[in-house]
Structure formats: C-alpha cells, structure tokens
Amino acid sequence: MSFKSAFTLALATVLWLGGCATQAPSDPPGSIAPELAEGPGAGVLGETNAIQMPRAADGVEADRAREIARGRASWYGDLFHGRRTASGEIFNMHELTAAHKTLPFGTRLRVRNLANGQEVAVRINDRGPHVRGRIIDLSRAAAAQVGLLHTGTATVVLLHD
C-alpha cells in the first residue's frame, strides 16, 4: 500500500471515528460559578454542614434561581477510599466531596435531599457517577449528612452555593 493510500485511509478512519463521539450536555453560559478549593477537603464527617430548614414560599423562587439540576444521587466510599480521583487528589470518604460528570473541579454546591429537606455543601473533585440516570455521587460523609447512607440513592436538587 502506498504512503498516500495509507494516509488517506488513516484520515478517513479518524474522521469516521470522530463522528461517533458524543458531546456532554452543556449548561447555559453563566449558570455555573465554580469556586476553587483552597484546602485539601471541603470538610470532614462530623462537621455541622447539614442544614434542615423549612422553605418559605418566597424562598422557593430564590432556590429555583440557584438550581443547577435535579435527579438521582448515590454515594461511594470504602472501595475508592485512598485512591486517586479524576482531579488527581486522593479520595477521602470522610470529606464533603462529590463526583459530577461535567461541573469543573473545585465547584462548590449544595445538595438537597428532596425526601427529607437535608442539605450538605460539597466540592466537586471527581468524575461520575458512572451509572445511568444518576447526576451526582456523594462521598460517604456527604451522603450521611443528607440521610442517603441507608437508602443508597435519593432524588436531590443541586444548588449554587
């Protein structure tokens, strides 16, 4: 096979494979305000970052303006504790962190469990979840603060912090 034929075949293959790629859904411009973390973790188990408050009618509109997404959340812990995250840091299941498919590393947000109203502030430091139909994976500590440990999954809303 001549160099020209091999090059043409390689180029056609690359272009064909490029057409198979999918693009992650993007959020509207300005909808995400990431804040880079200054320390190794957003918090540890035992801190009082969980908030449970009734929502007043006028607070509903404010919450909708802060809303990033709604969907199913899950959690991960023991199996990944001590391993590197996608951001390069070591995963600590006792820190208040989370994995999200597209939010920038260092983004801080609040996760509210819609079943019980409990909230936790987390920092994105990993990619996931890798299960269809889920929008966020919480560390064990974050899951405990929103009452997710025993159920495993819950419907949540993600809010700008």
N, C-alpha and C. Protein backbone atom coordinates (compact mmCIF):
# COMPACT_ATOMS: atom_id res chain seq x y z
N MET A 1 0.85 -1.17 0.00
CA MET A 1 0.00 0.00 0.00
C MET A 1 0.90 1.23 0.00
N SER A 2 0.58 2.19 -0.83
CA SER A 2 1.41 3.39 -0.92
C SER A 2 1.16 4.29 0.29
N PHE A 3 2.11 5.18 0.52
CA PHE A 3 2.01 6.13 1.63
C PHE A 3 0.74 6.98 1.50
N LYS A 4 0.45 7.42 0.28
CA LYS A 4 -0.72 8.26 0.05
C LYS A 4 -2.01 7.50 0.38
N SER A 5 -2.09 6.23 -0.01
CA SER A 5 -3.28 5.42 0.28
C SER A 5 -3.41 5.17 1.78
N ALA A 6 -2.29 4.88 2.45
CA ALA A 6 -2.32 4.64 3.89
C ALA A 6 -2.75 5.90 4.64
N PHE A 7 -2.21 7.04 4.20
CA PHE A 7 -2.56 8.30 4.84
C PHE A 7 -4.05 8.61 4.64
N THR A 8 -4.56 8.41 3.45
CA THR A 8 -5.97 8.65 3.15
C THR A 8 -6.86 7.74 3.99
N LEU A 9 -6.48 6.48 4.11
CA LEU A 9 -7.25 5.53 4.91
C LEU A 9 -7.23 5.93 6.39
N ALA A 10 -6.08 6.32 6.90
CA ALA A 10 -5.97 6.74 8.30
C ALA A 10 -6.81 7.98 8.56
N LEU A 11 -6.74 8.95 7.65
CA LEU A 11 -7.52 10.18 7.80
C LEU A 11 -9.02 9.88 7.77
N ALA A 12 -9.45 9.03 6.86
CA ALA A 12 -10.86 8.67 6.77
C ALA A 12 -11.32 7.97 8.05
N THR A 13 -10.47 7.11 8.61
CA THR A 13 -10.82 6.40 9.85
C THR A 13 -10.96 7.38 11.01
N VAL A 14 -10.04 8.32 11.13
CA VAL A 14 -10.10 9.31 12.20
C VAL A 14 -11.37 10.15 12.08
N LEU A 15 -11.68 10.60 10.88
CA LEU A 15 -12.89 11.40 10.68
C LEU A 15 -14.14 10.59 10.97
N TRP A 16 -14.14 9.34 10.57
CA TRP A 16 -15.30 8.48 10.82
C TRP A 16 -15.49 8.26 12.32
N LEU A 17 -14.40 7.98 13.04
CA LEU A 17 -14.49 7.77 14.49
C LEU A 17 -14.89 9.06 15.20
N GLY A 18 -14.42 10.19 14.71
CA GLY A 18 -14.80 11.47 15.31
C GLY A 18 -16.29 11.72 15.22
N GLY A 19 -16.92 11.22 14.19
CA GLY A 19 -18.36 11.37 14.04
C GLY A 19 -19.15 10.53 15.02
N CYS A 20 -18.49 9.54 15.63
CA CYS A 20 -19.16 8.67 16.61
C CYS A 20 -19.16 9.28 18.00
N ALA A 21 -18.36 10.30 18.22
CA ALA A 21 -18.25 10.90 19.55
C ALA A 21 -19.53 11.64 19.91
N THR A 22 -19.84 11.64 21.20
CA THR A 22 -20.98 12.42 21.68
C THR A 22 -20.46 13.55 22.54
N GLN A 23 -21.22 14.59 22.61
CA GLN A 23 -20.82 15.75 23.39
C GLN A 23 -21.66 15.80 24.65
N ALA A 24 -21.03 16.04 25.80
CA ALA A 24 -21.75 16.16 27.06
C ALA A 24 -22.65 17.38 26.99
N PRO A 25 -23.85 17.30 27.59
CA PRO A 25 -24.73 18.46 27.58
C PRO A 25 -24.07 19.61 28.32
N SER A 26 -24.16 20.80 27.74
CA SER A 26 -23.55 21.94 28.40
C SER A 26 -24.62 22.76 29.09
N ASP A 27 -24.21 23.42 30.16
CA ASP A 27 -25.13 24.29 30.88
C ASP A 27 -25.13 25.64 30.19
N PRO A 28 -26.21 26.40 30.34
CA PRO A 28 -26.24 27.73 29.73
C PRO A 28 -25.09 28.58 30.25
N PRO A 29 -24.53 29.48 29.43
CA PRO A 29 -23.43 30.32 29.87
C PRO A 29 -23.79 31.07 31.14
N GLY A 30 -22.86 31.11 32.08
CA GLY A 30 -23.07 31.83 33.32
C GLY A 30 -23.88 31.08 34.35
N SER A 31 -24.24 29.83 34.09
CA SER A 31 -25.07 29.11 35.05
C SER A 31 -24.26 28.43 36.13
N ILE A 32 -22.95 28.31 35.94
CA ILE A 32 -22.10 27.66 36.93
C ILE A 32 -21.05 28.65 37.39
N ALA A 33 -20.94 28.83 38.68
CA ALA A 33 -19.95 29.73 39.24
C ALA A 33 -18.99 28.93 40.10
N PRO A 34 -17.97 28.30 39.49
CA PRO A 34 -17.06 27.48 40.28
C PRO A 34 -16.19 28.32 41.20
N GLU A 35 -15.93 27.80 42.39
CA GLU A 35 -15.00 28.40 43.32
C GLU A 35 -13.93 27.37 43.57
N LEU A 36 -12.69 27.70 43.35
CA LEU A 36 -11.63 26.73 43.53
C LEU A 36 -11.38 26.53 45.02
N ALA A 37 -11.17 25.29 45.39
CA ALA A 37 -10.91 24.94 46.78
C ALA A 37 -9.55 25.48 47.21
N GLU A 38 -9.44 25.88 48.46
CA GLU A 38 -8.17 26.36 48.97
C GLU A 38 -7.49 25.32 49.84
N GLY A 39 -8.21 24.33 50.29
CA GLY A 39 -7.63 23.31 51.16
C GLY A 39 -7.78 21.95 50.54
N PRO A 40 -7.27 20.93 51.24
CA PRO A 40 -7.35 19.58 50.70
C PRO A 40 -8.74 19.00 50.69
N GLY A 41 -9.66 19.51 51.49
CA GLY A 41 -11.01 18.96 51.51
C GLY A 41 -12.02 20.02 51.86
N ALA A 42 -13.26 19.77 51.51
CA ALA A 42 -14.32 20.73 51.79
C ALA A 42 -14.81 20.61 53.22
N GLY A 43 -14.53 19.55 53.88
CA GLY A 43 -14.96 19.35 55.26
C GLY A 43 -14.79 17.90 55.62
N VAL A 44 -15.07 17.58 56.86
CA VAL A 44 -14.94 16.20 57.32
C VAL A 44 -16.20 15.76 58.03
N LEU A 45 -16.36 14.44 58.14
CA LEU A 45 -17.51 13.87 58.82
C LEU A 45 -17.58 14.41 60.23
N GLY A 46 -18.75 14.82 60.65
CA GLY A 46 -18.92 15.35 62.00
C GLY A 46 -19.10 16.85 62.01
N GLU A 47 -18.68 17.54 60.97
CA GLU A 47 -18.92 18.97 60.92
C GLU A 47 -20.41 19.21 60.72
N THR A 48 -20.88 20.34 61.14
CA THR A 48 -22.31 20.60 61.05
C THR A 48 -22.64 21.36 59.78
N ASN A 49 -22.41 20.73 58.64
CA ASN A 49 -22.73 21.34 57.35
C ASN A 49 -24.12 20.96 56.87
N ALA A 50 -24.76 19.99 57.52
CA ALA A 50 -26.11 19.60 57.11
C ALA A 50 -27.09 20.64 57.64
N ILE A 51 -27.99 21.05 56.79
CA ILE A 51 -28.97 22.06 57.16
C ILE A 51 -30.35 21.52 56.86
N GLN A 52 -31.23 21.62 57.83
CA GLN A 52 -32.60 21.19 57.60
C GLN A 52 -33.49 22.35 58.01
N MET A 53 -34.09 23.01 57.01
CA MET A 53 -34.90 24.18 57.28
C MET A 53 -36.17 24.13 56.45
N PRO A 54 -37.28 24.59 57.02
CA PRO A 54 -38.50 24.68 56.21
C PRO A 54 -38.31 25.77 55.16
N ARG A 55 -38.94 25.59 54.03
CA ARG A 55 -38.83 26.55 52.94
C ARG A 55 -40.06 27.45 52.91
N ALA A 56 -39.85 28.73 53.03
CA ALA A 56 -40.95 29.69 52.93
C ALA A 56 -41.31 29.86 51.46
N ALA A 57 -42.53 30.32 51.21
CA ALA A 57 -42.99 30.48 49.83
C ALA A 57 -42.09 31.42 49.05
N ASP A 58 -41.60 32.50 49.69
CA ASP A 58 -40.74 33.43 48.96
C ASP A 58 -39.35 32.85 48.72
N GLY A 59 -38.95 31.84 49.49
CA GLY A 59 -37.66 31.19 49.30
C GLY A 59 -37.65 30.23 48.13
N VAL A 60 -38.83 29.81 47.68
CA VAL A 60 -38.91 28.86 46.58
C VAL A 60 -38.34 29.47 45.30
N GLU A 61 -38.70 30.71 45.02
CA GLU A 61 -38.20 31.38 43.81
C GLU A 61 -36.69 31.56 43.88
N ALA A 62 -36.18 31.92 45.06
CA ALA A 62 -34.74 32.09 45.22
C ALA A 62 -34.02 30.77 44.97
N ASP A 63 -34.59 29.67 45.46
CA ASP A 63 -34.00 28.35 45.24
C ASP A 63 -34.00 27.98 43.77
N ARG A 64 -35.07 28.30 43.07
CA ARG A 64 -35.14 27.96 41.64
C ARG A 64 -34.07 28.72 40.86
N ALA A 65 -33.77 29.94 41.28
CA ALA A 65 -32.73 30.72 40.60
C ALA A 65 -31.35 30.12 40.86
N ARG A 66 -31.16 29.45 41.99
CA ARG A 66 -29.87 28.83 42.34
C ARG A 66 -29.75 27.41 41.81
N GLU A 67 -30.83 26.85 41.28
CA GLU A 67 -30.86 25.44 40.90
C GLU A 67 -29.96 25.15 39.70
N ILE A 68 -29.16 24.10 39.83
CA ILE A 68 -28.30 23.63 38.75
C ILE A 68 -28.97 22.45 38.05
N ALA A 69 -29.45 21.48 38.83
CA ALA A 69 -30.06 20.27 38.26
C ALA A 69 -30.85 19.52 39.32
N ARG A 70 -31.73 18.63 38.85
CA ARG A 70 -32.47 17.71 39.72
C ARG A 70 -32.28 16.31 39.17
N GLY A 71 -32.21 15.35 40.07
CA GLY A 71 -32.07 13.96 39.63
C GLY A 71 -31.69 13.06 40.78
N ARG A 72 -31.22 11.86 40.44
CA ARG A 72 -30.87 10.86 41.44
C ARG A 72 -29.42 11.01 41.86
N ALA A 73 -29.20 10.88 43.16
CA ALA A 73 -27.85 10.90 43.72
C ALA A 73 -27.56 9.54 44.33
N SER A 74 -26.29 9.19 44.36
CA SER A 74 -25.85 7.98 45.04
C SER A 74 -24.58 8.35 45.80
N TRP A 75 -23.96 7.36 46.45
CA TRP A 75 -22.75 7.66 47.19
C TRP A 75 -21.72 6.56 47.00
N TYR A 76 -20.46 6.92 47.26
CA TYR A 76 -19.38 5.94 47.19
C TYR A 76 -18.41 6.19 48.33
N GLY A 77 -17.73 5.10 48.77
CA GLY A 77 -16.87 5.24 49.94
C GLY A 77 -15.75 4.24 50.00
N ASP A 78 -15.94 3.17 50.78
CA ASP A 78 -14.88 2.22 51.12
C ASP A 78 -14.05 1.74 49.93
N LEU A 79 -14.70 1.35 48.87
CA LEU A 79 -14.00 0.78 47.72
C LEU A 79 -13.02 1.76 47.08
N PHE A 80 -13.32 3.06 47.15
CA PHE A 80 -12.50 4.07 46.49
C PHE A 80 -11.66 4.89 47.46
N HIS A 81 -11.84 4.68 48.76
CA HIS A 81 -11.10 5.44 49.78
C HIS A 81 -9.60 5.24 49.60
N GLY A 82 -8.87 6.33 49.50
CA GLY A 82 -7.42 6.27 49.33
C GLY A 82 -6.95 6.22 47.89
N ARG A 83 -7.86 6.10 46.95
CA ARG A 83 -7.49 6.08 45.53
C ARG A 83 -7.50 7.50 44.96
N ARG A 84 -6.84 7.68 43.84
CA ARG A 84 -6.84 8.99 43.17
C ARG A 84 -8.17 9.27 42.50
N THR A 85 -8.61 10.51 42.61
CA THR A 85 -9.81 10.95 41.91
C THR A 85 -9.41 11.45 40.53
N ALA A 86 -10.38 11.78 39.73
CA ALA A 86 -10.11 12.31 38.39
C ALA A 86 -9.38 13.65 38.46
N SER A 87 -9.53 14.38 39.56
CA SER A 87 -8.84 15.66 39.71
C SER A 87 -7.39 15.48 40.15
N GLY A 88 -7.03 14.25 40.52
CA GLY A 88 -5.65 13.98 40.94
C GLY A 88 -5.46 13.90 42.43
N GLU A 89 -6.45 14.34 43.20
CA GLU A 89 -6.29 14.26 44.66
C GLU A 89 -6.70 12.88 45.16
N ILE A 90 -6.31 12.56 46.36
CA ILE A 90 -6.65 11.27 46.96
C ILE A 90 -8.06 11.35 47.53
N PHE A 91 -8.90 10.38 47.17
CA PHE A 91 -10.28 10.36 47.66
C PHE A 91 -10.30 10.01 49.14
N ASN A 92 -10.99 10.83 49.91
CA ASN A 92 -11.18 10.60 51.34
C ASN A 92 -12.68 10.58 51.57
N MET A 93 -13.22 9.42 51.90
CA MET A 93 -14.67 9.29 52.05
C MET A 93 -15.22 10.09 53.23
N HIS A 94 -14.33 10.60 54.09
CA HIS A 94 -14.76 11.39 55.25
C HIS A 94 -14.83 12.89 54.95
N GLU A 95 -14.42 13.30 53.75
CA GLU A 95 -14.52 14.70 53.35
C GLU A 95 -15.84 14.93 52.62
N LEU A 96 -16.28 16.16 52.61
CA LEU A 96 -17.55 16.52 51.96
C LEU A 96 -17.28 16.87 50.50
N THR A 97 -17.18 15.82 49.68
CA THR A 97 -16.87 15.98 48.27
C THR A 97 -17.87 15.19 47.43
N ALA A 98 -17.78 15.37 46.11
CA ALA A 98 -18.71 14.69 45.22
C ALA A 98 -18.10 14.52 43.84
N ALA A 99 -18.70 13.61 43.07
CA ALA A 99 -18.31 13.39 41.68
C ALA A 99 -19.46 13.84 40.79
N HIS A 100 -19.13 14.58 39.74
CA HIS A 100 -20.12 15.04 38.77
C HIS A 100 -19.52 14.88 37.38
N LYS A 101 -20.37 14.64 36.40
CA LYS A 101 -19.87 14.36 35.05
C LYS A 101 -19.27 15.58 34.36
N THR A 102 -19.81 16.77 34.58
CA THR A 102 -19.37 17.93 33.79
C THR A 102 -18.97 19.16 34.59
N LEU A 103 -19.39 19.31 35.83
CA LEU A 103 -19.04 20.50 36.59
C LEU A 103 -17.53 20.56 36.79
N PRO A 104 -16.94 21.74 36.72
CA PRO A 104 -15.49 21.88 36.89
C PRO A 104 -15.04 21.44 38.29
N PHE A 105 -13.84 20.86 38.35
CA PHE A 105 -13.27 20.52 39.65
C PHE A 105 -13.16 21.78 40.49
N GLY A 106 -13.45 21.66 41.77
CA GLY A 106 -13.40 22.81 42.67
C GLY A 106 -14.73 23.52 42.81
N THR A 107 -15.71 23.20 41.97
CA THR A 107 -17.02 23.83 42.08
C THR A 107 -17.64 23.46 43.43
N ARG A 108 -18.15 24.45 44.11
CA ARG A 108 -18.84 24.22 45.38
C ARG A 108 -20.33 24.36 45.13
N LEU A 109 -21.09 23.42 45.66
CA LEU A 109 -22.54 23.46 45.51
C LEU A 109 -23.19 22.82 46.72
N ARG A 110 -24.49 23.01 46.81
CA ARG A 110 -25.27 22.39 47.88
C ARG A 110 -26.11 21.29 47.25
N VAL A 111 -26.25 20.21 47.97
CA VAL A 111 -27.07 19.08 47.54
C VAL A 111 -28.18 18.93 48.55
N ARG A 112 -29.44 19.02 48.09
CA ARG A 112 -30.59 18.89 48.98
C ARG A 112 -31.33 17.60 48.65
N ASN A 113 -31.53 16.77 49.67
CA ASN A 113 -32.32 15.55 49.55
C ASN A 113 -33.78 15.98 49.57
N LEU A 114 -34.51 15.76 48.49
CA LEU A 114 -35.90 16.22 48.41
C LEU A 114 -36.84 15.41 49.29
N ALA A 115 -36.43 14.21 49.72
CA ALA A 115 -37.29 13.39 50.58
C ALA A 115 -37.32 13.91 52.01
N ASN A 116 -36.22 14.52 52.48
CA ASN A 116 -36.18 14.95 53.89
C ASN A 116 -35.76 16.40 54.08
N GLY A 117 -35.39 17.10 53.01
CA GLY A 117 -35.02 18.51 53.10
C GLY A 117 -33.61 18.77 53.61
N GLN A 118 -32.85 17.74 53.94
CA GLN A 118 -31.50 17.94 54.45
C GLN A 118 -30.56 18.34 53.32
N GLU A 119 -29.61 19.24 53.64
CA GLU A 119 -28.66 19.75 52.66
C GLU A 119 -27.24 19.56 53.15
N VAL A 120 -26.32 19.52 52.20
CA VAL A 120 -24.89 19.49 52.52
C VAL A 120 -24.15 20.28 51.45
N ALA A 121 -23.11 20.98 51.87
CA ALA A 121 -22.25 21.70 50.93
C ALA A 121 -21.10 20.77 50.56
N VAL A 122 -20.86 20.61 49.25
CA VAL A 122 -19.79 19.73 48.77
C VAL A 122 -18.93 20.46 47.75
N ARG A 123 -17.78 19.86 47.48
CA ARG A 123 -16.86 20.36 46.47
C ARG A 123 -16.64 19.24 45.45
N ILE A 124 -16.74 19.57 44.16
CA ILE A 124 -16.54 18.57 43.10
C ILE A 124 -15.04 18.29 42.96
N ASN A 125 -14.67 17.00 43.11
CA ASN A 125 -13.26 16.62 42.97
C ASN A 125 -13.08 15.34 42.15
N ASP A 126 -14.17 14.84 41.56
CA ASP A 126 -14.09 13.58 40.82
C ASP A 126 -15.11 13.57 39.70
N ARG A 127 -14.99 12.60 38.80
CA ARG A 127 -15.94 12.42 37.71
C ARG A 127 -16.83 11.22 38.00
N GLY A 128 -18.07 11.33 37.63
CA GLY A 128 -19.05 10.27 37.86
C GLY A 128 -20.39 10.95 38.03
N PRO A 129 -21.40 10.26 38.37
CA PRO A 129 -21.44 8.81 38.57
C PRO A 129 -21.40 8.08 37.22
N HIS A 130 -21.02 6.84 37.29
CA HIS A 130 -20.90 6.04 36.07
C HIS A 130 -22.06 5.05 35.97
N VAL A 131 -23.20 5.48 36.48
CA VAL A 131 -24.43 4.68 36.42
C VAL A 131 -25.49 5.54 35.75
N ARG A 132 -26.16 5.00 34.76
CA ARG A 132 -27.18 5.73 34.01
C ARG A 132 -28.28 6.23 34.96
N GLY A 133 -28.72 7.45 34.73
CA GLY A 133 -29.84 8.01 35.48
C GLY A 133 -29.45 8.72 36.76
N ARG A 134 -28.17 8.79 37.06
CA ARG A 134 -27.73 9.49 38.28
C ARG A 134 -26.95 10.73 37.90
N ILE A 135 -27.11 11.79 38.71
CA ILE A 135 -26.46 13.06 38.36
C ILE A 135 -25.27 13.40 39.24
N ILE A 136 -25.16 12.76 40.42
CA ILE A 136 -24.06 13.08 41.33
C ILE A 136 -23.79 11.88 42.23
N ASP A 137 -22.52 11.69 42.55
CA ASP A 137 -22.08 10.69 43.52
C ASP A 137 -21.49 11.46 44.70
N LEU A 138 -22.02 11.22 45.89
CA LEU A 138 -21.53 11.90 47.09
C LEU A 138 -20.53 11.02 47.83
N SER A 139 -19.61 11.65 48.53
CA SER A 139 -18.73 10.90 49.42
C SER A 139 -19.59 10.34 50.55
N ARG A 140 -19.04 9.37 51.29
CA ARG A 140 -19.79 8.77 52.39
C ARG A 140 -20.21 9.83 53.41
N ALA A 141 -19.31 10.75 53.74
CA ALA A 141 -19.62 11.79 54.72
C ALA A 141 -20.76 12.68 54.25
N ALA A 142 -20.74 13.08 52.99
CA ALA A 142 -21.80 13.93 52.45
C ALA A 142 -23.12 13.18 52.41
N ALA A 143 -23.07 11.90 52.03
CA ALA A 143 -24.29 11.08 51.99
C ALA A 143 -24.90 10.95 53.38
N ALA A 144 -24.06 10.81 54.39
CA ALA A 144 -24.56 10.68 55.77
C ALA A 144 -25.29 11.95 56.18
N GLN A 145 -24.79 13.11 55.78
CA GLN A 145 -25.39 14.37 56.20
C GLN A 145 -26.73 14.65 55.53
N VAL A 146 -27.01 14.02 54.42
CA VAL A 146 -28.32 14.22 53.78
C VAL A 146 -29.21 12.99 53.92
N GLY A 147 -28.81 12.03 54.76
CA GLY A 147 -29.65 10.86 55.02
C GLY A 147 -29.71 9.88 53.87
N LEU A 148 -28.60 9.68 53.19
CA LEU A 148 -28.58 8.85 51.99
C LEU A 148 -27.90 7.49 52.20
N LEU A 149 -27.26 7.29 53.35
CA LEU A 149 -26.48 6.07 53.56
C LEU A 149 -27.32 4.80 53.47
N HIS A 150 -28.47 4.78 54.10
CA HIS A 150 -29.25 3.55 54.16
C HIS A 150 -30.07 3.30 52.90
N THR A 151 -30.53 4.37 52.26
CA THR A 151 -31.33 4.19 51.04
C THR A 151 -30.45 3.96 49.81
N GLY A 152 -29.22 4.48 49.85
CA GLY A 152 -28.30 4.31 48.73
C GLY A 152 -28.46 5.34 47.63
N THR A 153 -29.69 5.67 47.29
CA THR A 153 -29.95 6.71 46.29
C THR A 153 -31.12 7.56 46.78
N ALA A 154 -31.22 8.75 46.23
CA ALA A 154 -32.34 9.63 46.55
C ALA A 154 -32.46 10.68 45.46
N THR A 155 -33.63 11.26 45.34
CA THR A 155 -33.82 12.37 44.42
C THR A 155 -33.34 13.64 45.12
N VAL A 156 -32.48 14.38 44.43
CA VAL A 156 -31.88 15.57 45.01
C VAL A 156 -31.98 16.74 44.05
N VAL A 157 -31.72 17.92 44.59
CA VAL A 157 -31.57 19.11 43.76
C VAL A 157 -30.18 19.66 44.06
N LEU A 158 -29.46 20.06 43.00
CA LEU A 158 -28.15 20.67 43.13
C LEU A 158 -28.33 22.17 43.04
N LEU A 159 -27.75 22.90 44.00
CA LEU A 159 -27.92 24.35 44.08
C LEU A 159 -26.56 25.04 44.11
N HIS A 160 -26.46 26.20 43.47
CA HIS A 160 -25.26 27.02 43.61
C HIS A 160 -25.09 27.32 45.08
N ASP A 161 -23.87 27.24 45.58
CA ASP A 161 -23.60 27.50 47.00
C ASP A 161 -23.54 28.99 47.26
